[in-house]
Amino acid sequence: MQVFIIDNHTTTLRKLKKLLAVFNPKVIKVEDIYKTEIDSGALLVLSGSSTTPVLHHHVYDAELKLIRDHEGPIVGVCLGFELIAHAFGAHLHQRQKRQHGLVHLHRTNSAAAGFLPIAQQLVYVNHHYDVRRVASPLISLAESASGVQILRHESKPVFGFQFHPEVRRHRNNGKQIFNLVIGQVVSSAKS
């Protein structure tokens, strides 16, 4: 399966590439999306960033269109999660203070049992925005005290993680959760 990382100018690109190394991902900078031919079945991994879709909406126009139109699987991390949420109608709430560090998340939907075998998990977050709730076509799979941490589209292979699975500063389950979801996405695409 062809894998592309959409780089939203993340500071953790090297770590994200390492997390996906088995797929030999190709990196596309957000401003080069229009210049790149992307196979309709490719896995897209949307990176995090230090900016936000709310304040810089025009910067992400091509990425938002890609999220809505792409037929293959998409997995968003942090800003990628926020872009997926925004693309499908969820509201982003600006926090008064950036949230960073470890948070507990709990499963909110039985559909998450395959990659959240334990009902509560510890993950690393670092963001300025929360998604407090989602509505159709999005489904919340896991939440923390501040809002949705994992979401998916109800009919498309689209997942989002508000947390950072590529960051290993503290012991957390983010990498394992990410790998289980990627495994499911790739398996589903092959069948």
N, C-alpha and C. Protein backbone atom coordinates (compact mmCIF):
# COMPACT_ATOMS: atom_id res chain seq x y z
N MET A 1 0.84 -1.18 0.00
CA MET A 1 0.00 0.00 0.00
C MET A 1 0.88 1.24 0.00
N GLN A 2 0.52 2.18 -0.85
CA GLN A 2 1.25 3.44 -0.91
C GLN A 2 0.83 4.32 0.28
N VAL A 3 1.80 4.91 0.95
CA VAL A 3 1.53 5.74 2.14
C VAL A 3 2.15 7.12 1.93
N PHE A 4 1.34 8.14 2.18
CA PHE A 4 1.80 9.51 2.11
C PHE A 4 1.61 10.16 3.48
N ILE A 5 2.62 10.88 3.93
CA ILE A 5 2.47 11.74 5.10
C ILE A 5 2.26 13.15 4.56
N ILE A 6 1.14 13.75 4.92
CA ILE A 6 0.91 15.15 4.59
C ILE A 6 1.54 15.96 5.72
N ASP A 7 2.63 16.64 5.40
CA ASP A 7 3.40 17.37 6.41
C ASP A 7 2.85 18.78 6.56
N ASN A 8 2.20 19.00 7.68
CA ASN A 8 1.66 20.32 8.03
C ASN A 8 2.70 21.12 8.81
N HIS A 9 3.94 20.95 8.44
CA HIS A 9 5.08 21.61 9.07
C HIS A 9 5.21 21.21 10.54
N THR A 10 5.10 19.90 10.76
CA THR A 10 5.24 19.37 12.09
C THR A 10 6.70 19.37 12.53
N THR A 11 6.91 19.49 13.81
CA THR A 11 8.27 19.40 14.35
C THR A 11 8.64 17.94 14.64
N THR A 12 7.69 17.03 14.48
CA THR A 12 7.95 15.61 14.79
C THR A 12 7.90 14.73 13.53
N LEU A 13 8.19 15.31 12.36
CA LEU A 13 8.13 14.55 11.11
C LEU A 13 9.04 13.32 11.15
N ARG A 14 10.25 13.49 11.64
CA ARG A 14 11.18 12.36 11.69
C ARG A 14 10.60 11.21 12.52
N LYS A 15 9.98 11.53 13.63
CA LYS A 15 9.38 10.50 14.49
C LYS A 15 8.18 9.85 13.82
N LEU A 16 7.39 10.64 13.11
CA LEU A 16 6.22 10.10 12.41
C LEU A 16 6.67 9.17 11.28
N LYS A 17 7.72 9.57 10.55
CA LYS A 17 8.26 8.71 9.50
C LYS A 17 8.79 7.40 10.09
N LYS A 18 9.42 7.48 11.24
CA LYS A 18 9.94 6.28 11.90
C LYS A 18 8.78 5.35 12.30
N LEU A 19 7.71 5.93 12.79
CA LEU A 19 6.53 5.15 13.18
C LEU A 19 5.94 4.40 11.99
N LEU A 20 6.08 4.96 10.79
CA LEU A 20 5.52 4.37 9.57
C LEU A 20 6.60 3.77 8.66
N ALA A 21 7.80 3.58 9.17
CA ALA A 21 8.95 3.18 8.35
C ALA A 21 8.70 1.93 7.52
N VAL A 22 7.96 0.97 8.03
CA VAL A 22 7.70 -0.27 7.30
C VAL A 22 7.00 -0.02 5.96
N PHE A 23 6.32 1.12 5.83
CA PHE A 23 5.59 1.47 4.61
C PHE A 23 6.40 2.36 3.66
N ASN A 24 7.60 2.78 4.10
CA ASN A 24 8.42 3.69 3.30
C ASN A 24 7.58 4.87 2.79
N PRO A 25 7.03 5.66 3.71
CA PRO A 25 6.10 6.73 3.31
C PRO A 25 6.77 7.84 2.52
N LYS A 26 6.00 8.41 1.61
CA LYS A 26 6.45 9.59 0.86
C LYS A 26 5.87 10.81 1.58
N VAL A 27 6.68 11.84 1.74
CA VAL A 27 6.24 13.05 2.44
C VAL A 27 5.81 14.10 1.41
N ILE A 28 4.64 14.68 1.64
CA ILE A 28 4.13 15.77 0.81
C ILE A 28 3.90 16.97 1.72
N LYS A 29 4.54 18.07 1.44
CA LYS A 29 4.29 19.29 2.22
C LYS A 29 2.87 19.78 1.90
N VAL A 30 2.20 20.33 2.89
CA VAL A 30 0.81 20.75 2.72
C VAL A 30 0.64 21.66 1.51
N GLU A 31 1.59 22.53 1.26
CA GLU A 31 1.46 23.47 0.14
C GLU A 31 1.67 22.79 -1.22
N ASP A 32 2.12 21.53 -1.22
CA ASP A 32 2.36 20.81 -2.48
C ASP A 32 1.29 19.76 -2.80
N ILE A 33 0.21 19.73 -2.05
CA ILE A 33 -0.84 18.73 -2.30
C ILE A 33 -1.35 18.82 -3.74
N TYR A 34 -1.62 20.02 -4.22
CA TYR A 34 -2.13 20.18 -5.58
C TYR A 34 -1.15 19.71 -6.64
N LYS A 35 0.14 19.70 -6.32
CA LYS A 35 1.18 19.34 -7.30
C LYS A 35 1.46 17.84 -7.33
N THR A 36 0.86 17.08 -6.43
CA THR A 36 1.19 15.67 -6.28
C THR A 36 0.02 14.79 -6.68
N GLU A 37 0.31 13.77 -7.48
CA GLU A 37 -0.72 12.79 -7.82
C GLU A 37 -0.78 11.75 -6.71
N ILE A 38 -1.95 11.63 -6.12
CA ILE A 38 -2.14 10.71 -5.01
C ILE A 38 -3.14 9.64 -5.44
N ASP A 39 -2.72 8.38 -5.38
CA ASP A 39 -3.58 7.27 -5.73
C ASP A 39 -4.81 7.26 -4.82
N SER A 40 -5.98 6.97 -5.39
CA SER A 40 -7.23 7.03 -4.63
C SER A 40 -7.29 6.03 -3.47
N GLY A 41 -6.47 4.98 -3.52
CA GLY A 41 -6.47 4.00 -2.44
C GLY A 41 -5.33 4.16 -1.46
N ALA A 42 -4.48 5.15 -1.65
CA ALA A 42 -3.32 5.36 -0.77
C ALA A 42 -3.76 5.71 0.65
N LEU A 43 -2.95 5.31 1.61
CA LEU A 43 -3.14 5.71 3.00
C LEU A 43 -2.52 7.08 3.19
N LEU A 44 -3.31 8.04 3.66
CA LEU A 44 -2.83 9.38 3.96
C LEU A 44 -2.72 9.53 5.47
N VAL A 45 -1.58 9.98 5.93
CA VAL A 45 -1.38 10.28 7.35
C VAL A 45 -1.16 11.78 7.44
N LEU A 46 -2.06 12.46 8.11
CA LEU A 46 -2.02 13.92 8.24
C LEU A 46 -1.30 14.27 9.53
N SER A 47 -0.21 15.02 9.41
CA SER A 47 0.62 15.31 10.58
C SER A 47 0.01 16.42 11.44
N GLY A 48 0.64 16.61 12.58
CA GLY A 48 0.32 17.73 13.44
C GLY A 48 1.04 18.99 12.94
N SER A 49 0.95 20.05 13.71
CA SER A 49 1.59 21.32 13.37
C SER A 49 1.51 22.25 14.57
N SER A 50 2.13 23.40 14.42
CA SER A 50 2.02 24.41 15.48
C SER A 50 0.99 25.47 15.13
N THR A 51 0.33 25.33 13.98
CA THR A 51 -0.72 26.26 13.58
C THR A 51 -2.07 25.56 13.66
N THR A 52 -3.11 26.24 13.25
CA THR A 52 -4.45 25.69 13.42
C THR A 52 -5.32 25.94 12.20
N PRO A 53 -6.22 25.02 11.86
CA PRO A 53 -7.10 25.23 10.71
C PRO A 53 -8.07 26.39 10.91
N VAL A 54 -8.40 26.71 12.15
CA VAL A 54 -9.35 27.79 12.39
C VAL A 54 -8.72 29.15 12.02
N LEU A 55 -7.49 29.36 12.43
CA LEU A 55 -6.85 30.65 12.19
C LEU A 55 -6.19 30.74 10.82
N HIS A 56 -5.88 29.63 10.21
CA HIS A 56 -5.17 29.62 8.93
C HIS A 56 -5.92 28.77 7.91
N HIS A 57 -7.23 28.90 7.89
CA HIS A 57 -8.09 28.04 7.08
C HIS A 57 -7.62 27.97 5.63
N HIS A 58 -7.27 29.09 5.01
CA HIS A 58 -6.85 29.10 3.60
C HIS A 58 -5.63 28.24 3.34
N VAL A 59 -4.74 28.12 4.32
CA VAL A 59 -3.54 27.31 4.16
C VAL A 59 -3.91 25.85 3.95
N TYR A 60 -5.04 25.44 4.53
CA TYR A 60 -5.43 24.04 4.52
C TYR A 60 -6.58 23.73 3.54
N ASP A 61 -6.93 24.66 2.66
CA ASP A 61 -8.03 24.41 1.72
C ASP A 61 -7.85 23.13 0.93
N ALA A 62 -6.67 22.93 0.35
CA ALA A 62 -6.43 21.72 -0.46
C ALA A 62 -6.49 20.46 0.40
N GLU A 63 -5.99 20.55 1.62
CA GLU A 63 -6.02 19.38 2.51
C GLU A 63 -7.45 19.06 2.95
N LEU A 64 -8.24 20.08 3.25
CA LEU A 64 -9.64 19.86 3.61
C LEU A 64 -10.40 19.21 2.46
N LYS A 65 -10.14 19.66 1.23
CA LYS A 65 -10.78 19.05 0.06
C LYS A 65 -10.34 17.60 -0.09
N LEU A 66 -9.05 17.34 0.10
CA LEU A 66 -8.53 15.98 0.02
C LEU A 66 -9.19 15.08 1.08
N ILE A 67 -9.35 15.58 2.28
CA ILE A 67 -10.00 14.81 3.35
C ILE A 67 -11.42 14.43 2.94
N ARG A 68 -12.15 15.37 2.41
CA ARG A 68 -13.55 15.11 2.02
C ARG A 68 -13.66 14.16 0.82
N ASP A 69 -12.72 14.27 -0.13
CA ASP A 69 -12.85 13.56 -1.41
C ASP A 69 -12.08 12.25 -1.51
N HIS A 70 -11.06 12.06 -0.71
CA HIS A 70 -10.21 10.87 -0.84
C HIS A 70 -11.00 9.60 -0.56
N GLU A 71 -10.83 8.61 -1.41
CA GLU A 71 -11.56 7.34 -1.26
C GLU A 71 -10.83 6.35 -0.37
N GLY A 72 -9.53 6.50 -0.21
CA GLY A 72 -8.73 5.58 0.59
C GLY A 72 -8.71 5.98 2.05
N PRO A 73 -7.93 5.24 2.83
CA PRO A 73 -7.86 5.51 4.27
C PRO A 73 -7.09 6.78 4.60
N ILE A 74 -7.52 7.43 5.68
CA ILE A 74 -6.87 8.63 6.19
C ILE A 74 -6.75 8.48 7.70
N VAL A 75 -5.58 8.84 8.22
CA VAL A 75 -5.36 8.87 9.67
C VAL A 75 -4.75 10.23 10.00
N GLY A 76 -5.40 10.98 10.87
CA GLY A 76 -4.92 12.30 11.26
C GLY A 76 -4.37 12.30 12.67
N VAL A 77 -3.29 13.05 12.88
CA VAL A 77 -2.65 13.19 14.19
C VAL A 77 -2.68 14.66 14.58
N CYS A 78 -3.22 14.97 15.75
CA CYS A 78 -3.29 16.31 16.32
C CYS A 78 -3.94 17.29 15.34
N LEU A 79 -3.18 18.13 14.65
CA LEU A 79 -3.79 19.02 13.67
C LEU A 79 -4.53 18.22 12.60
N GLY A 80 -3.98 17.07 12.20
CA GLY A 80 -4.67 16.20 11.24
C GLY A 80 -6.04 15.78 11.75
N PHE A 81 -6.12 15.45 13.04
CA PHE A 81 -7.39 15.15 13.71
C PHE A 81 -8.32 16.35 13.63
N GLU A 82 -7.79 17.52 13.95
CA GLU A 82 -8.60 18.75 13.94
C GLU A 82 -9.11 19.06 12.54
N LEU A 83 -8.27 18.83 11.52
CA LEU A 83 -8.71 19.05 10.14
C LEU A 83 -9.82 18.10 9.75
N ILE A 84 -9.69 16.82 10.12
CA ILE A 84 -10.75 15.84 9.84
C ILE A 84 -12.04 16.28 10.53
N ALA A 85 -11.94 16.63 11.80
CA ALA A 85 -13.12 17.07 12.55
C ALA A 85 -13.76 18.28 11.87
N HIS A 86 -12.94 19.25 11.50
CA HIS A 86 -13.43 20.47 10.85
C HIS A 86 -14.05 20.16 9.48
N ALA A 87 -13.40 19.28 8.71
CA ALA A 87 -13.89 18.94 7.37
C ALA A 87 -15.28 18.32 7.41
N PHE A 88 -15.59 17.62 8.50
CA PHE A 88 -16.88 16.95 8.60
C PHE A 88 -17.82 17.60 9.61
N GLY A 89 -17.57 18.89 9.91
CA GLY A 89 -18.56 19.69 10.62
C GLY A 89 -18.43 19.82 12.12
N ALA A 90 -17.40 19.25 12.74
CA ALA A 90 -17.25 19.39 14.19
C ALA A 90 -16.67 20.77 14.51
N HIS A 91 -17.02 21.27 15.67
CA HIS A 91 -16.54 22.58 16.11
C HIS A 91 -15.27 22.41 16.94
N LEU A 92 -14.27 23.24 16.66
CA LEU A 92 -13.04 23.27 17.44
C LEU A 92 -13.15 24.36 18.50
N HIS A 93 -12.85 24.01 19.73
CA HIS A 93 -12.92 24.96 20.84
C HIS A 93 -11.50 25.34 21.24
N GLN A 94 -11.18 26.63 21.19
CA GLN A 94 -9.85 27.08 21.58
C GLN A 94 -9.72 27.03 23.09
N ARG A 95 -8.64 26.42 23.56
CA ARG A 95 -8.36 26.33 24.98
C ARG A 95 -7.77 27.65 25.47
N GLN A 96 -8.01 27.99 26.71
CA GLN A 96 -7.38 29.18 27.27
C GLN A 96 -5.88 28.97 27.42
N LYS A 97 -5.50 27.73 27.67
CA LYS A 97 -4.08 27.40 27.86
C LYS A 97 -3.81 26.09 27.11
N ARG A 98 -2.67 26.02 26.45
CA ARG A 98 -2.29 24.81 25.73
C ARG A 98 -2.29 23.62 26.68
N GLN A 99 -2.83 22.50 26.21
CA GLN A 99 -2.80 21.27 27.00
C GLN A 99 -1.64 20.41 26.52
N HIS A 100 -0.77 20.02 27.43
CA HIS A 100 0.31 19.12 27.06
C HIS A 100 0.65 18.23 28.24
N GLY A 101 1.04 17.02 27.91
CA GLY A 101 1.35 16.04 28.93
C GLY A 101 0.50 14.80 28.74
N LEU A 102 0.48 13.98 29.75
CA LEU A 102 -0.26 12.73 29.68
C LEU A 102 -1.71 12.93 30.11
N VAL A 103 -2.62 12.28 29.38
CA VAL A 103 -4.03 12.28 29.75
C VAL A 103 -4.56 10.85 29.65
N HIS A 104 -5.57 10.59 30.46
CA HIS A 104 -6.26 9.30 30.40
C HIS A 104 -7.38 9.43 29.38
N LEU A 105 -7.48 8.43 28.52
CA LEU A 105 -8.65 8.41 27.66
C LEU A 105 -9.42 7.13 27.93
N HIS A 106 -10.71 7.19 27.69
CA HIS A 106 -11.56 6.02 27.90
C HIS A 106 -12.38 5.76 26.64
N ARG A 107 -12.60 4.52 26.39
CA ARG A 107 -13.36 4.07 25.23
C ARG A 107 -14.80 4.54 25.38
N THR A 108 -15.35 5.11 24.31
CA THR A 108 -16.73 5.59 24.34
C THR A 108 -17.62 4.83 23.37
N ASN A 109 -17.03 3.88 22.65
CA ASN A 109 -17.78 3.15 21.63
C ASN A 109 -17.19 1.76 21.53
N SER A 110 -18.04 0.75 21.48
CA SER A 110 -17.54 -0.63 21.41
C SER A 110 -16.76 -0.90 20.12
N ALA A 111 -16.94 -0.08 19.10
CA ALA A 111 -16.19 -0.24 17.85
C ALA A 111 -14.70 -0.02 18.07
N ALA A 112 -14.32 0.58 19.18
CA ALA A 112 -12.90 0.84 19.47
C ALA A 112 -12.23 -0.32 20.18
N ALA A 113 -12.97 -1.35 20.53
CA ALA A 113 -12.41 -2.45 21.32
C ALA A 113 -11.24 -3.15 20.63
N GLY A 114 -11.20 -3.17 19.31
CA GLY A 114 -10.12 -3.83 18.58
C GLY A 114 -8.76 -3.18 18.77
N PHE A 115 -8.74 -1.87 19.00
CA PHE A 115 -7.45 -1.21 19.21
C PHE A 115 -7.35 -0.55 20.58
N LEU A 116 -8.41 -0.64 21.36
CA LEU A 116 -8.37 -0.20 22.75
C LEU A 116 -8.86 -1.36 23.61
N PRO A 117 -8.08 -2.45 23.67
CA PRO A 117 -8.54 -3.62 24.40
C PRO A 117 -8.75 -3.34 25.89
N ILE A 118 -8.01 -2.38 26.41
CA ILE A 118 -8.20 -1.95 27.80
C ILE A 118 -9.03 -0.67 27.73
N ALA A 119 -10.08 -0.60 28.52
CA ALA A 119 -11.04 0.51 28.42
C ALA A 119 -10.40 1.88 28.66
N GLN A 120 -9.33 1.95 29.47
CA GLN A 120 -8.66 3.23 29.72
C GLN A 120 -7.21 3.13 29.26
N GLN A 121 -6.73 4.20 28.63
CA GLN A 121 -5.36 4.25 28.12
C GLN A 121 -4.74 5.59 28.50
N LEU A 122 -3.43 5.65 28.48
CA LEU A 122 -2.68 6.87 28.76
C LEU A 122 -2.01 7.31 27.46
N VAL A 123 -2.20 8.58 27.07
CA VAL A 123 -1.64 9.10 25.83
C VAL A 123 -1.04 10.49 26.08
N TYR A 124 -0.13 10.90 25.15
CA TYR A 124 0.52 12.21 25.26
C TYR A 124 -0.19 13.21 24.34
N VAL A 125 -0.59 14.35 24.90
CA VAL A 125 -1.26 15.40 24.13
C VAL A 125 -0.44 16.69 24.16
N ASN A 126 -0.66 17.51 23.13
CA ASN A 126 -0.02 18.82 23.05
C ASN A 126 -0.81 19.63 22.03
N HIS A 127 -1.83 20.35 22.49
CA HIS A 127 -2.68 21.08 21.55
C HIS A 127 -3.35 22.29 22.20
N HIS A 128 -3.84 23.18 21.32
CA HIS A 128 -4.53 24.40 21.73
C HIS A 128 -6.04 24.31 21.55
N TYR A 129 -6.50 23.27 20.87
CA TYR A 129 -7.93 23.15 20.53
C TYR A 129 -8.46 21.81 20.99
N ASP A 130 -9.73 21.79 21.36
CA ASP A 130 -10.44 20.56 21.72
C ASP A 130 -11.61 20.39 20.78
N VAL A 131 -11.98 19.15 20.57
CA VAL A 131 -13.25 18.80 19.93
C VAL A 131 -14.07 18.16 21.05
N ARG A 132 -15.09 18.85 21.49
CA ARG A 132 -15.84 18.37 22.66
C ARG A 132 -16.86 17.31 22.31
N ARG A 133 -17.39 17.37 21.08
CA ARG A 133 -18.32 16.32 20.62
C ARG A 133 -18.34 16.31 19.10
N VAL A 134 -18.74 15.19 18.56
CA VAL A 134 -18.87 15.05 17.11
C VAL A 134 -20.27 14.56 16.80
N ALA A 135 -20.69 14.79 15.58
CA ALA A 135 -21.99 14.32 15.10
C ALA A 135 -21.77 13.66 13.75
N SER A 136 -22.79 12.98 13.29
CA SER A 136 -22.73 12.28 12.01
C SER A 136 -22.19 13.22 10.93
N PRO A 137 -21.22 12.77 10.17
CA PRO A 137 -20.78 11.40 9.92
C PRO A 137 -19.61 10.94 10.79
N LEU A 138 -19.26 11.67 11.84
CA LEU A 138 -18.15 11.27 12.70
C LEU A 138 -18.67 10.57 13.94
N ILE A 139 -17.84 9.68 14.48
CA ILE A 139 -18.16 8.92 15.68
C ILE A 139 -16.99 9.06 16.65
N SER A 140 -17.29 9.37 17.90
CA SER A 140 -16.25 9.40 18.94
C SER A 140 -15.98 7.97 19.40
N LEU A 141 -14.70 7.59 19.40
CA LEU A 141 -14.32 6.26 19.86
C LEU A 141 -13.69 6.28 21.25
N ALA A 142 -13.02 7.40 21.58
CA ALA A 142 -12.39 7.53 22.89
C ALA A 142 -12.29 9.01 23.25
N GLU A 143 -12.43 9.29 24.54
CA GLU A 143 -12.41 10.68 25.02
C GLU A 143 -11.57 10.79 26.28
N SER A 144 -11.12 12.02 26.53
CA SER A 144 -10.47 12.37 27.79
C SER A 144 -11.39 13.37 28.48
N ALA A 145 -10.95 13.91 29.60
CA ALA A 145 -11.77 14.89 30.32
C ALA A 145 -12.02 16.14 29.47
N SER A 146 -11.13 16.44 28.51
CA SER A 146 -11.29 17.66 27.72
C SER A 146 -12.04 17.46 26.40
N GLY A 147 -12.33 16.22 26.05
CA GLY A 147 -13.09 16.00 24.81
C GLY A 147 -12.65 14.77 24.05
N VAL A 148 -13.03 14.73 22.79
CA VAL A 148 -12.77 13.59 21.92
C VAL A 148 -11.27 13.45 21.68
N GLN A 149 -10.75 12.24 21.81
CA GLN A 149 -9.34 11.96 21.55
C GLN A 149 -9.15 11.06 20.33
N ILE A 150 -10.12 10.19 20.05
CA ILE A 150 -10.08 9.35 18.85
C ILE A 150 -11.46 9.42 18.20
N LEU A 151 -11.46 9.65 16.89
CA LEU A 151 -12.71 9.65 16.15
C LEU A 151 -12.55 8.85 14.88
N ARG A 152 -13.67 8.51 14.28
CA ARG A 152 -13.65 7.86 12.97
C ARG A 152 -14.87 8.31 12.20
N HIS A 153 -14.80 8.18 10.90
CA HIS A 153 -15.93 8.46 10.02
C HIS A 153 -16.82 7.22 10.03
N GLU A 154 -18.12 7.40 9.99
CA GLU A 154 -19.02 6.25 10.10
C GLU A 154 -19.03 5.34 8.88
N SER A 155 -18.64 5.84 7.71
CA SER A 155 -18.69 4.98 6.52
C SER A 155 -17.40 4.97 5.69
N LYS A 156 -16.44 5.82 6.02
CA LYS A 156 -15.18 5.88 5.29
C LYS A 156 -14.04 5.46 6.22
N PRO A 157 -12.94 4.94 5.67
CA PRO A 157 -11.81 4.55 6.53
C PRO A 157 -10.98 5.76 6.97
N VAL A 158 -11.60 6.61 7.76
CA VAL A 158 -10.98 7.86 8.22
C VAL A 158 -10.97 7.85 9.74
N PHE A 159 -9.77 7.99 10.31
CA PHE A 159 -9.58 8.03 11.76
C PHE A 159 -8.79 9.27 12.14
N GLY A 160 -9.01 9.77 13.35
CA GLY A 160 -8.23 10.89 13.85
C GLY A 160 -7.84 10.67 15.30
N PHE A 161 -6.62 11.10 15.62
CA PHE A 161 -6.10 11.03 16.99
C PHE A 161 -5.73 12.44 17.43
N GLN A 162 -6.34 12.93 18.48
CA GLN A 162 -5.97 14.25 19.01
C GLN A 162 -4.60 14.18 19.69
N PHE A 163 -4.22 13.02 20.12
CA PHE A 163 -2.94 12.85 20.81
C PHE A 163 -1.80 12.59 19.82
N HIS A 164 -0.58 12.51 20.34
CA HIS A 164 0.63 12.33 19.53
C HIS A 164 1.21 10.93 19.73
N PRO A 165 0.90 9.98 18.85
CA PRO A 165 1.46 8.63 19.00
C PRO A 165 2.96 8.58 18.73
N GLU A 166 3.48 9.56 18.01
CA GLU A 166 4.90 9.57 17.65
C GLU A 166 5.79 10.12 18.76
N VAL A 167 5.20 10.72 19.78
CA VAL A 167 5.98 11.31 20.87
C VAL A 167 6.07 10.32 22.02
N ARG A 168 7.30 10.03 22.41
CA ARG A 168 7.54 9.03 23.46
C ARG A 168 8.23 9.65 24.67
N ARG A 169 7.93 10.91 24.98
CA ARG A 169 8.58 11.57 26.12
C ARG A 169 8.24 10.89 27.44
N HIS A 170 7.07 10.36 27.51
CA HIS A 170 6.59 9.71 28.72
C HIS A 170 6.05 8.35 28.31
N ARG A 171 6.00 7.45 29.24
CA ARG A 171 5.39 6.14 28.95
C ARG A 171 3.92 6.35 28.68
N ASN A 172 3.50 5.93 27.49
CA ASN A 172 2.08 6.05 27.15
C ASN A 172 1.74 5.02 26.10
N ASN A 173 0.46 4.88 25.80
CA ASN A 173 -0.03 3.85 24.89
C ASN A 173 -0.32 4.36 23.49
N GLY A 174 0.04 5.61 23.19
CA GLY A 174 -0.29 6.21 21.90
C GLY A 174 0.25 5.44 20.71
N LYS A 175 1.51 5.03 20.78
CA LYS A 175 2.13 4.30 19.66
C LYS A 175 1.41 2.97 19.42
N GLN A 176 1.10 2.24 20.48
CA GLN A 176 0.42 0.96 20.33
C GLN A 176 -0.96 1.13 19.71
N ILE A 177 -1.71 2.14 20.17
CA ILE A 177 -3.04 2.40 19.63
C ILE A 177 -2.94 2.75 18.15
N PHE A 178 -2.01 3.64 17.80
CA PHE A 178 -1.80 4.04 16.41
C PHE A 178 -1.47 2.81 15.55
N ASN A 179 -0.53 1.98 16.01
CA ASN A 179 -0.14 0.80 15.23
C ASN A 179 -1.29 -0.17 15.03
N LEU A 180 -2.12 -0.35 16.04
CA LEU A 180 -3.29 -1.24 15.89
C LEU A 180 -4.28 -0.69 14.87
N VAL A 181 -4.51 0.62 14.90
CA VAL A 181 -5.43 1.22 13.92
C VAL A 181 -4.84 1.12 12.51
N ILE A 182 -3.55 1.46 12.36
CA ILE A 182 -2.90 1.35 11.04
C ILE A 182 -3.00 -0.09 10.54
N GLY A 183 -2.76 -1.06 11.41
CA GLY A 183 -2.87 -2.47 11.03
C GLY A 183 -4.26 -2.81 10.53
N GLN A 184 -5.29 -2.35 11.22
CA GLN A 184 -6.68 -2.59 10.80
C GLN A 184 -6.97 -1.92 9.47
N VAL A 185 -6.51 -0.68 9.31
CA VAL A 185 -6.75 0.07 8.07
C VAL A 185 -6.10 -0.65 6.89
N VAL A 186 -4.86 -1.06 7.05
CA VAL A 186 -4.14 -1.74 5.97
C VAL A 186 -4.79 -3.10 5.66
N SER A 187 -5.17 -3.84 6.71
CA SER A 187 -5.86 -5.11 6.51
C SER A 187 -7.16 -4.95 5.73
N SER A 188 -7.93 -3.97 6.11
CA SER A 188 -9.22 -3.71 5.45
C SER A 188 -9.01 -3.32 4.00
N ALA A 189 -7.98 -2.55 3.73
CA ALA A 189 -7.71 -2.10 2.36
C ALA A 189 -7.30 -3.26 1.46
N LYS A 190 -6.64 -4.27 2.04
CA LYS A 190 -6.19 -5.43 1.26
C LYS A 190 -7.33 -6.39 0.94
N SER A 191 -8.38 -6.37 1.75
CA SER A 191 -9.47 -7.33 1.53
C SER A 191 -10.55 -6.82 0.61
